[in-house]
Structure formats: structure tokens, C-alpha cells
Amino acid sequence: MIVWNMGSLLLDLLVGGHKLCTKEVMNKFRDQAFTFEAIGLSKSISGKFAESTKNLLKRLLHHNPNKRMKLKEMFE
């Protein structure tokens, strides 16, 4: 859960709002992969992020906890 929270915090800082705090959004990601479109970000906004940032968020916010980035990996 710590990794998910770090991803959520990073996303909040990047977009200036709480995008993952509603139950509807949280339930959406229980069985599908994170996408910027799924949380209501247009391509014009998400297109401003570097690919490395997008990949980091996808790895931090993976719906399967076993496939999320490990905490140790975040600091490497």
C-alpha cells in the first residue's frame, strides 16, 4: 500500500489535485491497469509528462500489488 500511496501523491503533485481519492476511481483500478484517461486527464495534460514519469506512475499504481514497483526499486 505504501507504493500505491507514493504513486498517488506523485500524481497529485503533478496534476495539482486529488485524482485517486474517490471510491469510484479506486474501484476502477482494482481490476484494470492505470491510465491517465481513466482518471479524467486529457491527452493534452498527460502528454506533457515525460515517458519516464508516465512509466513510473504506471508501475507505482499497478492494480495488482504483486506487480507494483517495489519500495526498494523506487530509491534506486
N, C-alpha and C. Protein backbone atom coordinates (compact mmCIF):
# COMPACT_ATOMS: atom_id res chain seq x y z
N MET A 1 0.82 -1.20 0.00
CA MET A 1 0.00 0.00 0.00
C MET A 1 0.86 1.26 0.00
N ILE A 2 2.04 1.18 0.58
CA ILE A 2 2.92 2.35 0.61
C ILE A 2 3.28 2.79 -0.80
N VAL A 3 3.55 1.84 -1.68
CA VAL A 3 3.93 2.16 -3.05
C VAL A 3 2.76 2.84 -3.76
N TRP A 4 1.55 2.30 -3.58
CA TRP A 4 0.36 2.92 -4.18
C TRP A 4 0.23 4.37 -3.68
N ASN A 5 0.40 4.58 -2.39
CA ASN A 5 0.27 5.92 -1.82
C ASN A 5 1.32 6.87 -2.38
N MET A 6 2.52 6.38 -2.59
CA MET A 6 3.57 7.21 -3.19
C MET A 6 3.19 7.60 -4.61
N GLY A 7 2.66 6.65 -5.36
CA GLY A 7 2.21 6.95 -6.72
C GLY A 7 1.07 7.96 -6.73
N SER A 8 0.14 7.80 -5.80
CA SER A 8 -0.99 8.72 -5.70
C SER A 8 -0.51 10.12 -5.35
N LEU A 9 0.41 10.22 -4.43
CA LEU A 9 0.97 11.50 -4.03
C LEU A 9 1.70 12.16 -5.19
N LEU A 10 2.50 11.39 -5.91
CA LEU A 10 3.23 11.92 -7.06
C LEU A 10 2.24 12.44 -8.11
N LEU A 11 1.21 11.68 -8.39
CA LEU A 11 0.21 12.11 -9.36
C LEU A 11 -0.47 13.40 -8.89
N ASP A 12 -0.83 13.47 -7.62
CA ASP A 12 -1.45 14.68 -7.08
C ASP A 12 -0.55 15.90 -7.25
N LEU A 13 0.73 15.72 -6.99
CA LEU A 13 1.68 16.83 -7.13
C LEU A 13 1.81 17.27 -8.59
N LEU A 14 1.79 16.32 -9.50
CA LEU A 14 1.96 16.63 -10.92
C LEU A 14 0.75 17.32 -11.53
N VAL A 15 -0.44 16.91 -11.12
CA VAL A 15 -1.65 17.46 -11.75
C VAL A 15 -2.37 18.48 -10.87
N GLY A 16 -1.90 18.65 -9.65
CA GLY A 16 -2.48 19.66 -8.78
C GLY A 16 -3.87 19.33 -8.27
N GLY A 17 -4.08 18.09 -7.90
CA GLY A 17 -5.38 17.72 -7.36
C GLY A 17 -5.41 16.29 -6.92
N HIS A 18 -6.46 15.92 -6.26
CA HIS A 18 -6.61 14.56 -5.76
C HIS A 18 -7.41 13.74 -6.76
N LYS A 19 -6.72 13.00 -7.59
CA LYS A 19 -7.37 12.24 -8.66
C LYS A 19 -7.74 10.83 -8.25
N LEU A 20 -7.10 10.28 -7.23
CA LEU A 20 -7.34 8.88 -6.87
C LEU A 20 -8.05 8.71 -5.54
N CYS A 21 -8.67 9.76 -5.04
CA CYS A 21 -9.21 9.68 -3.69
C CYS A 21 -10.68 9.25 -3.63
N THR A 22 -11.35 9.10 -4.75
CA THR A 22 -12.75 8.71 -4.69
C THR A 22 -12.88 7.19 -4.74
N LYS A 23 -13.92 6.67 -4.13
CA LYS A 23 -14.15 5.22 -4.15
C LYS A 23 -14.37 4.72 -5.57
N GLU A 24 -15.03 5.54 -6.38
CA GLU A 24 -15.30 5.14 -7.77
C GLU A 24 -13.99 4.90 -8.52
N VAL A 25 -13.05 5.81 -8.37
CA VAL A 25 -11.76 5.66 -9.06
C VAL A 25 -10.97 4.49 -8.47
N MET A 26 -10.96 4.37 -7.15
CA MET A 26 -10.23 3.26 -6.53
C MET A 26 -10.79 1.91 -6.99
N ASN A 27 -12.10 1.78 -7.07
CA ASN A 27 -12.71 0.53 -7.52
C ASN A 27 -12.38 0.24 -8.98
N LYS A 28 -12.24 1.29 -9.76
CA LYS A 28 -11.92 1.13 -11.18
C LYS A 28 -10.57 0.44 -11.36
N PHE A 29 -9.63 0.74 -10.47
CA PHE A 29 -8.28 0.21 -10.63
C PHE A 29 -8.05 -1.10 -9.88
N ARG A 30 -9.07 -1.65 -9.31
CA ARG A 30 -8.91 -2.95 -8.65
C ARG A 30 -8.67 -4.06 -9.66
N ASP A 31 -9.21 -3.90 -10.87
CA ASP A 31 -9.07 -4.97 -11.85
C ASP A 31 -8.71 -4.47 -13.24
N GLN A 32 -8.21 -3.26 -13.36
CA GLN A 32 -7.73 -2.79 -14.65
C GLN A 32 -6.50 -1.93 -14.44
N ALA A 33 -5.73 -1.79 -15.48
CA ALA A 33 -4.48 -1.04 -15.40
C ALA A 33 -4.75 0.46 -15.29
N PHE A 34 -3.85 1.15 -14.62
CA PHE A 34 -3.92 2.60 -14.50
C PHE A 34 -3.72 3.24 -15.87
N THR A 35 -4.58 4.18 -16.20
CA THR A 35 -4.38 5.03 -17.38
C THR A 35 -4.74 6.45 -16.99
N PHE A 36 -4.15 7.38 -17.67
CA PHE A 36 -4.45 8.78 -17.39
C PHE A 36 -5.88 9.13 -17.81
N GLU A 37 -6.33 8.52 -18.89
CA GLU A 37 -7.68 8.77 -19.37
C GLU A 37 -8.72 8.28 -18.36
N ALA A 38 -8.44 7.17 -17.70
CA ALA A 38 -9.39 6.60 -16.74
C ALA A 38 -9.63 7.51 -15.54
N ILE A 39 -8.69 8.37 -15.23
CA ILE A 39 -8.88 9.29 -14.11
C ILE A 39 -9.30 10.68 -14.59
N GLY A 40 -9.58 10.78 -15.89
CA GLY A 40 -10.11 12.04 -16.41
C GLY A 40 -9.09 13.04 -16.88
N LEU A 41 -7.84 12.61 -17.09
CA LEU A 41 -6.84 13.53 -17.60
C LEU A 41 -6.83 13.46 -19.13
N SER A 42 -6.90 14.60 -19.74
CA SER A 42 -6.87 14.63 -21.20
C SER A 42 -5.46 14.34 -21.70
N LYS A 43 -5.37 13.97 -22.96
CA LYS A 43 -4.06 13.70 -23.56
C LYS A 43 -3.20 14.96 -23.59
N SER A 44 -3.84 16.13 -23.63
CA SER A 44 -3.05 17.37 -23.64
C SER A 44 -2.31 17.57 -22.32
N ILE A 45 -2.90 17.10 -21.23
CA ILE A 45 -2.24 17.20 -19.93
C ILE A 45 -1.23 16.07 -19.76
N SER A 46 -1.67 14.84 -19.96
CA SER A 46 -0.77 13.70 -19.77
C SER A 46 0.36 13.72 -20.79
N GLY A 47 0.13 14.35 -21.93
CA GLY A 47 1.18 14.44 -22.96
C GLY A 47 2.35 15.31 -22.56
N LYS A 48 2.15 16.11 -21.53
CA LYS A 48 3.23 16.99 -21.06
C LYS A 48 4.23 16.25 -20.17
N PHE A 49 3.85 15.05 -19.71
CA PHE A 49 4.74 14.27 -18.85
C PHE A 49 5.76 13.52 -19.68
N ALA A 50 6.96 13.41 -19.18
CA ALA A 50 7.98 12.60 -19.83
C ALA A 50 7.55 11.13 -19.78
N GLU A 51 7.98 10.36 -20.75
CA GLU A 51 7.65 8.94 -20.79
C GLU A 51 8.12 8.23 -19.52
N SER A 52 9.27 8.65 -18.99
CA SER A 52 9.76 8.02 -17.76
C SER A 52 8.82 8.29 -16.59
N THR A 53 8.22 9.47 -16.55
CA THR A 53 7.25 9.80 -15.50
C THR A 53 5.99 8.96 -15.65
N LYS A 54 5.50 8.85 -16.89
CA LYS A 54 4.31 8.03 -17.14
C LYS A 54 4.56 6.58 -16.74
N ASN A 55 5.72 6.05 -17.12
CA ASN A 55 6.04 4.66 -16.77
C ASN A 55 6.16 4.47 -15.26
N LEU A 56 6.76 5.44 -14.58
CA LEU A 56 6.87 5.36 -13.13
C LEU A 56 5.49 5.31 -12.48
N LEU A 57 4.60 6.19 -12.90
CA LEU A 57 3.25 6.20 -12.34
C LEU A 57 2.53 4.89 -12.61
N LYS A 58 2.67 4.36 -13.80
CA LYS A 58 2.01 3.09 -14.13
C LYS A 58 2.54 1.96 -13.27
N ARG A 59 3.84 1.98 -12.97
CA ARG A 59 4.42 0.93 -12.13
C ARG A 59 4.05 1.10 -10.66
N LEU A 60 3.92 2.34 -10.21
CA LEU A 60 3.53 2.59 -8.83
C LEU A 60 2.05 2.31 -8.60
N LEU A 61 1.23 2.56 -9.61
CA LEU A 61 -0.22 2.45 -9.48
C LEU A 61 -0.78 1.21 -10.16
N HIS A 62 0.03 0.18 -10.27
CA HIS A 62 -0.44 -1.07 -10.88
C HIS A 62 -1.54 -1.67 -10.02
N HIS A 63 -2.59 -2.18 -10.65
CA HIS A 63 -3.73 -2.71 -9.90
C HIS A 63 -3.40 -3.97 -9.11
N ASN A 64 -2.42 -4.71 -9.55
CA ASN A 64 -2.01 -5.93 -8.84
C ASN A 64 -0.84 -5.58 -7.91
N PRO A 65 -1.04 -5.64 -6.60
CA PRO A 65 0.03 -5.27 -5.66
C PRO A 65 1.32 -6.07 -5.86
N ASN A 66 1.21 -7.30 -6.33
CA ASN A 66 2.41 -8.11 -6.54
C ASN A 66 3.22 -7.66 -7.74
N LYS A 67 2.61 -6.88 -8.61
CA LYS A 67 3.32 -6.40 -9.81
C LYS A 67 3.71 -4.94 -9.72
N ARG A 68 3.38 -4.30 -8.62
CA ARG A 68 3.79 -2.91 -8.42
C ARG A 68 5.28 -2.83 -8.22
N MET A 69 5.81 -1.66 -8.49
CA MET A 69 7.22 -1.40 -8.23
C MET A 69 7.48 -1.65 -6.75
N LYS A 70 8.58 -2.25 -6.45
CA LYS A 70 8.96 -2.49 -5.05
C LYS A 70 9.53 -1.19 -4.45
N LEU A 71 9.32 -1.03 -3.17
CA LEU A 71 9.79 0.17 -2.48
C LEU A 71 11.29 0.36 -2.68
N LYS A 72 12.03 -0.71 -2.63
CA LYS A 72 13.48 -0.64 -2.83
C LYS A 72 13.83 -0.09 -4.22
N GLU A 73 13.05 -0.47 -5.23
CA GLU A 73 13.29 0.00 -6.60
C GLU A 73 13.08 1.50 -6.73
N MET A 74 12.17 2.04 -5.94
CA MET A 74 11.88 3.47 -6.02
C MET A 74 13.10 4.31 -5.69
N PHE A 75 13.94 3.81 -4.82
CA PHE A 75 15.07 4.59 -4.35
C PHE A 75 16.36 4.30 -5.11
N GLU A 76 16.29 3.44 -6.08
CA GLU A 76 17.50 3.12 -6.86
C GLU A 76 17.65 4.06 -8.04
